[in-house]
């Protein structure tokens, strides 16, 4: 009887282990579920073509465990500091029932097939946005009905805003800036050295703006512009780090010099 009992217990344990493994099997998310979860913080929740947050996609690439998905990411994007910060941000989205009503887990969206799906959605939604009519497609002003009493433009409400993408991007930019300064100091002619003279000041200005919005709040438009500015600067730094020579990102126009007195 003891042998039979031990054999039965072992069978139950094997079945339980199999059931537990099945419970942890990754779920394949739909396009709609990924769009809802990974949409840009300023995008309407119900928009099926909402822009996908590129920082979130890069984060999933870094966590995917797939060498092909991560090979074009710079070393700073796969470092522990940046990966921890971006994982915390996505975990917050996963816990948000408005973004994740179907309760996807991080393992579901960081699995390589889901990451490739997210990359495809990022590109598709960018293409859809580019195909929208531009202001130049509108009829001439003289052919448009004029409102004799135009309403004042709406004032966007200020409140807490999400600038976590900018904060995570600045952490990665710190690493790229150090890499640039090391290259410049050693006399290395690599393209990343071009980044050294500008990076400290720009990163400091952007980080100061992040701190202001995190402390005092702002409008969704202000947060979107800051996240976009950091992303453009990050793309520029990454391109230099990989040996390409892109054009420098647009900087704000300098203030006009004061008139000289005679």
C-alpha atoms as a PDB file:
ATOM      1  CA  UNK A   1       0.000   0.000   0.000  1.00  0.00           C
ATOM      2  CA  UNK A   2       2.834   2.362   0.804  1.00  0.00           C
ATOM      3  CA  UNK A   3       4.263   1.876  -2.691  1.00  0.00           C
ATOM      4  CA  UNK A   4       0.866   2.492  -4.262  1.00  0.00           C
ATOM      5  CA  UNK A   5       0.368   5.610  -2.145  1.00  0.00           C
ATOM      6  CA  UNK A   6       3.792   6.984  -3.087  1.00  0.00           C
ATOM      7  CA  UNK A   7       3.122   6.273  -6.770  1.00  0.00           C
ATOM      8  CA  UNK A   8      -0.235   8.037  -6.553  1.00  0.00           C
ATOM      9  CA  UNK A   9       1.276  11.052  -4.805  1.00  0.00           C
ATOM     10  CA  UNK A  10       3.976  11.284  -7.459  1.00  0.00           C
ATOM     11  CA  UNK A  11       1.369  11.208 -10.232  1.00  0.00           C
ATOM     12  CA  UNK A  12      -0.615  13.975  -8.541  1.00  0.00           C
ATOM     13  CA  UNK A  13       2.566  16.073  -8.199  1.00  0.00           C
ATOM     14  CA  UNK A  14       3.389  15.623 -11.889  1.00  0.00           C
ATOM     15  CA  UNK A  15      -0.134  16.631 -12.906  1.00  0.00           C
ATOM     16  CA  UNK A  16      -0.010  19.665 -10.598  1.00  0.00           C
ATOM     17  CA  UNK A  17       3.330  20.758 -12.058  1.00  0.00           C
ATOM     18  CA  UNK A  18       1.933  20.419 -15.570  1.00  0.00           C
ATOM     19  CA  UNK A  19      -1.129  22.455 -14.656  1.00  0.00           C
ATOM     20  CA  UNK A  20       1.060  25.151 -13.071  1.00  0.00           C
ATOM     21  CA  UNK A  21       3.225  25.355 -16.197  1.00  0.00           C
ATOM     22  CA  UNK A  22       0.104  25.699 -18.317  1.00  0.00           C
ATOM     23  CA  UNK A  23      -1.104  28.554 -16.124  1.00  0.00           C
ATOM     24  CA  UNK A  24       2.143  30.435 -16.799  1.00  0.00           C
ATOM     25  CA  UNK A  25       2.028  29.900 -20.549  1.00  0.00           C
ATOM     26  CA  UNK A  26       2.183  33.257 -22.342  1.00  0.00           C
ATOM     27  CA  UNK A  27      -1.029  34.565 -23.832  1.00  0.00           C
ATOM     28  CA  UNK A  28      -0.847  35.898 -27.390  1.00  0.00           C
ATOM     29  CA  UNK A  29      -2.241  39.469 -27.283  1.00  0.00           C
ATOM     30  CA  UNK A  30      -4.412  40.850 -30.060  1.00  0.00           C
ATOM     31  CA  UNK A  31      -3.547  44.031 -31.979  1.00  0.00           C
ATOM     32  CA  UNK A  32      -6.314  45.861 -30.108  1.00  0.00           C
ATOM     33  CA  UNK A  33      -4.987  44.725 -26.717  1.00  0.00           C
ATOM     34  CA  UNK A  34      -1.423  45.784 -27.547  1.00  0.00           C
ATOM     35  CA  UNK A  35      -2.599  49.139 -28.897  1.00  0.00           C
ATOM     36  CA  UNK A  36      -4.608  49.812 -25.754  1.00  0.00           C
ATOM     37  CA  UNK A  37      -1.689  48.908 -23.497  1.00  0.00           C
ATOM     38  CA  UNK A  38       1.178  50.544 -25.411  1.00  0.00           C
ATOM     39  CA  UNK A  39      -0.570  53.658 -26.754  1.00  0.00           C
ATOM     40  CA  UNK A  40       1.092  57.030 -26.270  1.00  0.00           C
ATOM     41  CA  UNK A  41       0.041  58.645 -22.956  1.00  0.00           C
ATOM     42  CA  UNK A  42      -1.712  61.483 -24.812  1.00  0.00           C
ATOM     43  CA  UNK A  43      -3.620  59.260 -27.264  1.00  0.00           C
ATOM     44  CA  UNK A  44      -7.394  58.741 -26.903  1.00  0.00           C
ATOM     45  CA  UNK A  45      -8.035  55.413 -25.125  1.00  0.00           C
ATOM     46  CA  UNK A  46     -10.548  54.147 -27.702  1.00  0.00           C
ATOM     47  CA  UNK A  47      -8.520  55.021 -30.824  1.00  0.00           C
ATOM     48  CA  UNK A  48      -7.744  51.756 -32.697  1.00  0.00           C
ATOM     49  CA  UNK A  49      -4.922  53.548 -34.547  1.00  0.00           C
ATOM     50  CA  UNK A  50      -3.500  55.322 -31.504  1.00  0.00           C
ATOM     51  CA  UNK A  51       0.226  56.051 -31.799  1.00  0.00           C
ATOM     52  CA  UNK A  52       2.334  53.424 -30.049  1.00  0.00           C
ATOM     53  CA  UNK A  53       4.857  54.653 -27.477  1.00  0.00           C
ATOM     54  CA  UNK A  54       8.322  53.965 -29.010  1.00  0.00           C
ATOM     55  CA  UNK A  55      10.026  53.906 -25.596  1.00  0.00           C
ATOM     56  CA  UNK A  56       7.687  51.096 -24.522  1.00  0.00           C
ATOM     57  CA  UNK A  57       8.477  49.075 -27.646  1.00  0.00           C
ATOM     58  CA  UNK A  58      12.233  49.500 -27.107  1.00  0.00           C
ATOM     59  CA  UNK A  59      11.747  48.384 -23.505  1.00  0.00           C
ATOM     60  CA  UNK A  60       9.981  45.207 -24.617  1.00  0.00           C
ATOM     61  CA  UNK A  61      12.747  44.544 -27.137  1.00  0.00           C
ATOM     62  CA  UNK A  62      15.310  44.795 -24.331  1.00  0.00           C
ATOM     63  CA  UNK A  63      13.319  42.407 -22.118  1.00  0.00           C
ATOM     64  CA  UNK A  64      12.397  39.932 -24.875  1.00  0.00           C
ATOM     65  CA  UNK A  65      15.484  37.758 -24.457  1.00  0.00           C
ATOM     66  CA  UNK A  66      15.686  37.603 -28.254  1.00  0.00           C
ATOM     67  CA  UNK A  67      19.113  38.556 -29.616  1.00  0.00           C
ATOM     68  CA  UNK A  68      17.718  39.575 -33.016  1.00  0.00           C
ATOM     69  CA  UNK A  69      15.193  41.966 -31.452  1.00  0.00           C
ATOM     70  CA  UNK A  70      17.771  43.570 -29.161  1.00  0.00           C
ATOM     71  CA  UNK A  71      20.783  43.667 -31.482  1.00  0.00           C
ATOM     72  CA  UNK A  72      20.085  47.158 -32.873  1.00  0.00           C
ATOM     73  CA  UNK A  73      19.514  48.650 -29.418  1.00  0.00           C
ATOM     74  CA  UNK A  74      22.488  50.535 -27.941  1.00  0.00           C
ATOM     75  CA  UNK A  75      24.173  49.090 -24.874  1.00  0.00           C
ATOM     76  CA  UNK A  76      22.602  51.770 -22.673  1.00  0.00           C
ATOM     77  CA  UNK A  77      19.083  50.606 -23.609  1.00  0.00           C
ATOM     78  CA  UNK A  78      19.857  47.095 -22.412  1.00  0.00           C
ATOM     79  CA  UNK A  79      21.567  48.177 -19.190  1.00  0.00           C
ATOM     80  CA  UNK A  80      20.038  47.407 -15.814  1.00  0.00           C
ATOM     81  CA  UNK A  81      19.184  51.032 -14.940  1.00  0.00           C
ATOM     82  CA  UNK A  82      17.197  51.738 -18.108  1.00  0.00           C
ATOM     83  CA  UNK A  83      15.593  48.284 -18.186  1.00  0.00           C
ATOM     84  CA  UNK A  84      14.451  48.594 -14.565  1.00  0.00           C
ATOM     85  CA  UNK A  85      12.990  52.066 -15.140  1.00  0.00           C
ATOM     86  CA  UNK A  86      11.125  51.138 -18.306  1.00  0.00           C
ATOM     87  CA  UNK A  87       9.870  47.856 -16.812  1.00  0.00           C
ATOM     88  CA  UNK A  88       8.423  49.794 -13.875  1.00  0.00           C
ATOM     89  CA  UNK A  89       6.607  52.095 -16.302  1.00  0.00           C
ATOM     90  CA  UNK A  90       5.070  49.231 -18.288  1.00  0.00           C
ATOM     91  CA  UNK A  91       4.147  47.387 -15.089  1.00  0.00           C
ATOM     92  CA  UNK A  92       2.168  50.497 -14.125  1.00  0.00           C
ATOM     93  CA  UNK A  93       0.312  50.348 -17.441  1.00  0.00           C
ATOM     94  CA  UNK A  94      -0.361  46.628 -16.957  1.00  0.00           C
ATOM     95  CA  UNK A  95      -1.933  47.384 -13.565  1.00  0.00           C
ATOM     96  CA  UNK A  96      -4.161  50.069 -15.150  1.00  0.00           C
ATOM     97  CA  UNK A  97      -7.525  48.481 -16.008  1.00  0.00           C
ATOM     98  CA  UNK A  98      -8.282  51.215 -18.558  1.00  0.00           C
ATOM     99  CA  UNK A  99      -5.169  50.272 -20.538  1.00  0.00           C
ATOM    100  CA  UNK A 100      -5.202  46.567 -19.829  1.00  0.00           C
ATOM    101  CA  UNK A 101      -8.796  45.349 -19.320  1.00  0.00           C
ATOM    102  CA  UNK A 102      -7.865  41.847 -20.510  1.00  0.00           C
ATOM    103  CA  UNK A 103      -5.182  41.539 -17.824  1.00  0.00           C
ATOM    104  CA  UNK A 104      -2.166  40.824 -20.002  1.00  0.00           C
ATOM    105  CA  UNK A 105       0.958  39.998 -18.018  1.00  0.00           C
ATOM    106  CA  UNK A 106       4.430  41.383 -18.698  1.00  0.00           C
ATOM    107  CA  UNK A 107       5.472  37.916 -19.893  1.00  0.00           C
ATOM    108  CA  UNK A 108       2.687  38.044 -22.472  1.00  0.00           C
ATOM    109  CA  UNK A 109       3.810  41.331 -24.059  1.00  0.00           C
ATOM    110  CA  UNK A 110       7.577  40.768 -23.765  1.00  0.00           C
ATOM    111  CA  UNK A 111       7.495  37.398 -25.524  1.00  0.00           C
ATOM    112  CA  UNK A 112       9.319  37.705 -28.883  1.00  0.00           C
ATOM    113  CA  UNK A 113       6.208  37.179 -31.075  1.00  0.00           C
ATOM    114  CA  UNK A 114       4.329  39.889 -29.150  1.00  0.00           C
ATOM    115  CA  UNK A 115       7.312  42.263 -29.407  1.00  0.00           C
ATOM    116  CA  UNK A 116       7.472  41.785 -33.193  1.00  0.00           C
ATOM    117  CA  UNK A 117       3.738  42.437 -33.273  1.00  0.00           C
ATOM    118  CA  UNK A 118       4.249  45.679 -31.283  1.00  0.00           C
ATOM    119  CA  UNK A 119       7.005  46.808 -33.690  1.00  0.00           C
ATOM    120  CA  UNK A 120       4.661  46.199 -36.643  1.00  0.00           C
ATOM    121  CA  UNK A 121       1.868  48.178 -34.938  1.00  0.00           C
ATOM    122  CA  UNK A 122       4.264  51.054 -34.232  1.00  0.00           C
ATOM    123  CA  UNK A 123       5.120  51.258 -37.926  1.00  0.00           C
ATOM    124  CA  UNK A 124       1.530  50.775 -39.132  1.00  0.00           C
ATOM    125  CA  UNK A 125       0.108  53.463 -36.878  1.00  0.00           C
ATOM    126  CA  UNK A 126       2.849  55.907 -37.871  1.00  0.00           C
ATOM    127  CA  UNK A 127       1.988  55.271 -41.523  1.00  0.00           C
ATOM    128  CA  UNK A 128      -1.723  55.780 -40.807  1.00  0.00           C
ATOM    129  CA  UNK A 129      -1.012  59.099 -39.083  1.00  0.00           C
ATOM    130  CA  UNK A 130       1.166  60.233 -41.994  1.00  0.00           C
ATOM    131  CA  UNK A 131      -1.688  59.499 -44.411  1.00  0.00           C
ATOM    132  CA  UNK A 132      -4.109  61.844 -42.649  1.00  0.00           C
ATOM    133  CA  UNK A 133      -4.937  65.082 -44.537  1.00  0.00           C
ATOM    134  CA  UNK A 134      -2.445  67.822 -43.856  1.00  0.00           C
ATOM    135  CA  UNK A 135      -3.352  71.458 -43.384  1.00  0.00           C
ATOM    136  CA  UNK A 136      -2.220  72.048 -46.976  1.00  0.00           C
ATOM    137  CA  UNK A 137      -5.041  69.757 -48.124  1.00  0.00           C
ATOM    138  CA  UNK A 138      -7.668  72.194 -46.845  1.00  0.00           C
ATOM    139  CA  UNK A 139      -9.396  74.550 -49.277  1.00  0.00           C
ATOM    140  CA  UNK A 140      -8.119  78.140 -49.468  1.00  0.00           C
ATOM    141  CA  UNK A 141      -9.271  80.331 -46.561  1.00  0.00           C
ATOM    142  CA  UNK A 142     -11.457  82.449 -48.878  1.00  0.00           C
ATOM    143  CA  UNK A 143     -13.489  79.319 -49.737  1.00  0.00           C
ATOM    144  CA  UNK A 144     -14.058  78.340 -46.132  1.00  0.00           C
ATOM    145  CA  UNK A 145     -16.990  79.660 -44.149  1.00  0.00           C
ATOM    146  CA  UNK A 146     -15.832  82.359 -41.814  1.00  0.00           C
ATOM    147  CA  UNK A 147     -17.150  82.605 -38.271  1.00  0.00           C
ATOM    148  CA  UNK A 148     -17.789  86.278 -37.472  1.00  0.00           C
ATOM    149  CA  UNK A 149     -17.563  85.554 -33.747  1.00  0.00           C
ATOM    150  CA  UNK A 150     -14.891  82.923 -33.306  1.00  0.00           C
ATOM    151  CA  UNK A 151     -14.754  81.323 -29.898  1.00  0.00           C
ATOM    152  CA  UNK A 152     -11.644  81.687 -27.812  1.00  0.00           C
ATOM    153  CA  UNK A 153      -9.343  78.687 -28.059  1.00  0.00           C
ATOM    154  CA  UNK A 154      -9.970  76.201 -25.248  1.00  0.00           C
ATOM    155  CA  UNK A 155      -7.591  76.336 -22.330  1.00  0.00           C
ATOM    156  CA  UNK A 156      -6.048  72.946 -21.709  1.00  0.00           C
ATOM    157  CA  UNK A 157      -6.401  71.911 -18.059  1.00  0.00           C
ATOM    158  CA  UNK A 158      -3.268  71.481 -15.999  1.00  0.00           C
ATOM    159  CA  UNK A 159      -2.735  68.557 -13.681  1.00  0.00           C
ATOM    160  CA  UNK A 160      -0.523  65.517 -13.105  1.00  0.00           C
ATOM    161  CA  UNK A 161       1.108  64.360 -16.357  1.00  0.00           C
ATOM    162  CA  UNK A 162       3.069  61.289 -17.432  1.00  0.00           C
ATOM    163  CA  UNK A 163       6.666  62.176 -18.306  1.00  0.00           C
ATOM    164  CA  UNK A 164       8.089  58.791 -17.328  1.00  0.00           C
ATOM    165  CA  UNK A 165       9.126  58.168 -20.947  1.00  0.00           C
ATOM    166  CA  UNK A 166      11.249  61.320 -20.878  1.00  0.00           C
ATOM    167  CA  UNK A 167      12.736  60.381 -17.492  1.00  0.00           C
ATOM    168  CA  UNK A 168      13.695  56.899 -18.743  1.00  0.00           C
ATOM    169  CA  UNK A 169      15.114  58.359 -21.952  1.00  0.00           C
ATOM    170  CA  UNK A 170      17.281  60.805 -19.996  1.00  0.00           C
ATOM    171  CA  UNK A 171      18.744  57.908 -17.986  1.00  0.00           C
ATOM    172  CA  UNK A 172      19.846  56.320 -21.245  1.00  0.00           C
ATOM    173  CA  UNK A 173      21.132  59.667 -22.541  1.00  0.00           C
ATOM    174  CA  UNK A 174      23.382  59.969 -19.460  1.00  0.00           C
ATOM    175  CA  UNK A 175      25.180  56.813 -20.591  1.00  0.00           C
ATOM    176  CA  UNK A 176      25.460  58.002 -24.187  1.00  0.00           C
ATOM    177  CA  UNK A 177      26.824  61.359 -23.002  1.00  0.00           C
ATOM    178  CA  UNK A 178      29.541  59.656 -20.944  1.00  0.00           C
ATOM    179  CA  UNK A 179      30.407  57.489 -23.946  1.00  0.00           C
ATOM    180  CA  UNK A 180      30.660  60.621 -26.111  1.00  0.00           C
ATOM    181  CA  UNK A 181      32.892  62.482 -23.658  1.00  0.00           C
ATOM    182  CA  UNK A 182      35.189  59.467 -23.269  1.00  0.00           C
ATOM    183  CA  UNK A 183      35.524  59.235 -27.057  1.00  0.00           C
ATOM    184  CA  UNK A 184      36.238  62.960 -27.389  1.00  0.00           C
ATOM    185  CA  UNK A 185      38.811  62.912 -24.576  1.00  0.00           C
ATOM    186  CA  UNK A 186      40.686  60.001 -26.121  1.00  0.00           C
ATOM    187  CA  UNK A 187      40.850  61.679 -29.534  1.00  0.00           C
ATOM    188  CA  UNK A 188      38.684  58.950 -31.041  1.00  0.00           C
ATOM    189  CA  UNK A 189      37.242  60.076 -34.374  1.00  0.00           C
ATOM    190  CA  UNK A 190      34.057  58.002 -33.935  1.00  0.00           C
ATOM    191  CA  UNK A 191      30.807  59.896 -34.667  1.00  0.00           C
ATOM    192  CA  UNK A 192      29.693  59.622 -31.029  1.00  0.00           C
ATOM    193  CA  UNK A 193      32.383  62.188 -30.161  1.00  0.00           C
ATOM    194  CA  UNK A 194      30.271  64.869 -31.888  1.00  0.00           C
ATOM    195  CA  UNK A 195      27.728  64.487 -29.104  1.00  0.00           C
ATOM    196  CA  UNK A 196      30.108  65.509 -26.299  1.00  0.00           C
ATOM    197  CA  UNK A 197      29.946  69.349 -26.568  1.00  0.00           C
ATOM    198  CA  UNK A 198      26.145  69.497 -26.391  1.00  0.00           C
ATOM    199  CA  UNK A 199      24.943  66.588 -24.290  1.00  0.00           C
ATOM    200  CA  UNK A 200      25.460  67.781 -20.704  1.00  0.00           C
ATOM    201  CA  UNK A 201      23.641  71.083 -21.126  1.00  0.00           C
ATOM    202  CA  UNK A 202      20.729  69.669 -23.118  1.00  0.00           C
ATOM    203  CA  UNK A 203      20.223  66.748 -20.745  1.00  0.00           C
ATOM    204  CA  UNK A 204      20.286  69.122 -17.766  1.00  0.00           C
ATOM    205  CA  UNK A 205      17.691  71.425 -19.343  1.00  0.00           C
ATOM    206  CA  UNK A 206      15.382  68.542 -20.204  1.00  0.00           C
ATOM    207  CA  UNK A 207      15.758  66.954 -16.772  1.00  0.00           C
ATOM    208  CA  UNK A 208      14.899  70.292 -15.157  1.00  0.00           C
ATOM    209  CA  UNK A 209      11.728  70.411 -17.278  1.00  0.00           C
ATOM    210  CA  UNK A 210      10.856  66.819 -16.299  1.00  0.00           C
ATOM    211  CA  UNK A 211      11.233  67.753 -12.622  1.00  0.00           C
ATOM    212  CA  UNK A 212       9.026  70.822 -13.084  1.00  0.00           C
ATOM    213  CA  UNK A 213       6.200  68.830 -14.681  1.00  0.00           C
ATOM    214  CA  UNK A 214       6.475  66.028 -12.131  1.00  0.00           C
ATOM    215  CA  UNK A 215       6.347  68.515  -9.251  1.00  0.00           C
ATOM    216  CA  UNK A 216       3.895  71.145 -10.507  1.00  0.00           C
ATOM    217  CA  UNK A 217       1.950  69.293 -13.176  1.00  0.00           C
ATOM    218  CA  UNK A 218       1.168  70.670 -16.621  1.00  0.00           C
ATOM    219  CA  UNK A 219      -0.904  70.007 -19.726  1.00  0.00           C
ATOM    220  CA  UNK A 220      -0.960  66.802 -21.739  1.00  0.00           C
ATOM    221  CA  UNK A 221       0.453  68.765 -24.668  1.00  0.00           C
ATOM    222  CA  UNK A 222       3.457  69.899 -22.607  1.00  0.00           C
ATOM    223  CA  UNK A 223       4.137  66.307 -21.548  1.00  0.00           C
ATOM    224  CA  UNK A 224       3.805  65.042 -25.110  1.00  0.00           C
ATOM    225  CA  UNK A 225       6.241  67.658 -26.446  1.00  0.00           C
ATOM    226  CA  UNK A 226       8.798  66.867 -23.739  1.00  0.00           C
ATOM    227  CA  UNK A 227       8.559  63.096 -24.318  1.00  0.00           C
ATOM    228  CA  UNK A 228       8.944  63.666 -28.070  1.00  0.00           C
ATOM    229  CA  UNK A 229      11.941  66.011 -27.646  1.00  0.00           C
ATOM    230  CA  UNK A 230      13.754  63.515 -25.438  1.00  0.00           C
ATOM    231  CA  UNK A 231      12.964  60.707 -27.876  1.00  0.00           C
ATOM    232  CA  UNK A 232      14.396  62.682 -30.835  1.00  0.00           C
ATOM    233  CA  UNK A 233      17.563  63.437 -28.909  1.00  0.00           C
ATOM    234  CA  UNK A 234      17.822  59.780 -27.884  1.00  0.00           C
ATOM    235  CA  UNK A 235      17.471  58.602 -31.483  1.00  0.00           C
ATOM    236  CA  UNK A 236      20.215  61.065 -32.487  1.00  0.00           C
ATOM    237  CA  UNK A 237      22.538  59.779 -29.751  1.00  0.00           C
ATOM    238  CA  UNK A 238      21.843  56.148 -30.601  1.00  0.00           C
ATOM    239  CA  UNK A 239      22.617  56.740 -34.260  1.00  0.00           C
ATOM    240  CA  UNK A 240      25.939  58.322 -33.369  1.00  0.00           C
ATOM    241  CA  UNK A 241      26.723  55.452 -31.001  1.00  0.00           C
ATOM    242  CA  UNK A 242      26.186  52.915 -33.785  1.00  0.00           C
ATOM    243  CA  UNK A 243      28.550  54.756 -36.127  1.00  0.00           C
ATOM    244  CA  UNK A 244      26.118  56.627 -38.370  1.00  0.00           C
ATOM    245  CA  UNK A 245      26.300  60.396 -38.817  1.00  0.00           C
ATOM    246  CA  UNK A 246      22.788  61.853 -38.660  1.00  0.00           C
ATOM    247  CA  UNK A 247      21.956  65.518 -38.831  1.00  0.00           C
ATOM    248  CA  UNK A 248      21.883  67.190 -35.455  1.00  0.00           C
ATOM    249  CA  UNK A 249      18.431  67.421 -33.821  1.00  0.00           C
ATOM    250  CA  UNK A 250      16.686  70.747 -34.121  1.00  0.00           C
ATOM    251  CA  UNK A 251      17.508  73.087 -31.281  1.00  0.00           C
ATOM    252  CA  UNK A 252      15.320  75.964 -30.116  1.00  0.00           C
ATOM    253  CA  UNK A 253      15.997  79.192 -31.984  1.00  0.00           C
ATOM    254  CA  UNK A 254      18.345  81.484 -30.044  1.00  0.00           C
ATOM    255  CA  UNK A 255      16.916  84.582 -28.446  1.00  0.00           C
ATOM    256  CA  UNK A 256      17.591  87.791 -30.423  1.00  0.00           C
ATOM    257  CA  UNK A 257      20.528  89.841 -29.193  1.00  0.00           C
ATOM    258  CA  UNK A 258      19.621  93.102 -27.410  1.00  0.00           C
ATOM    259  CA  UNK A 259      20.038  96.317 -29.402  1.00  0.00           C
ATOM    260  CA  UNK A 260      23.332  98.040 -28.802  1.00  0.00           C
ATOM    261  CA  UNK A 261      23.118 101.548 -27.481  1.00  0.00           C
ATOM    262  CA  UNK A 262      25.093 104.256 -29.198  1.00  0.00           C
END
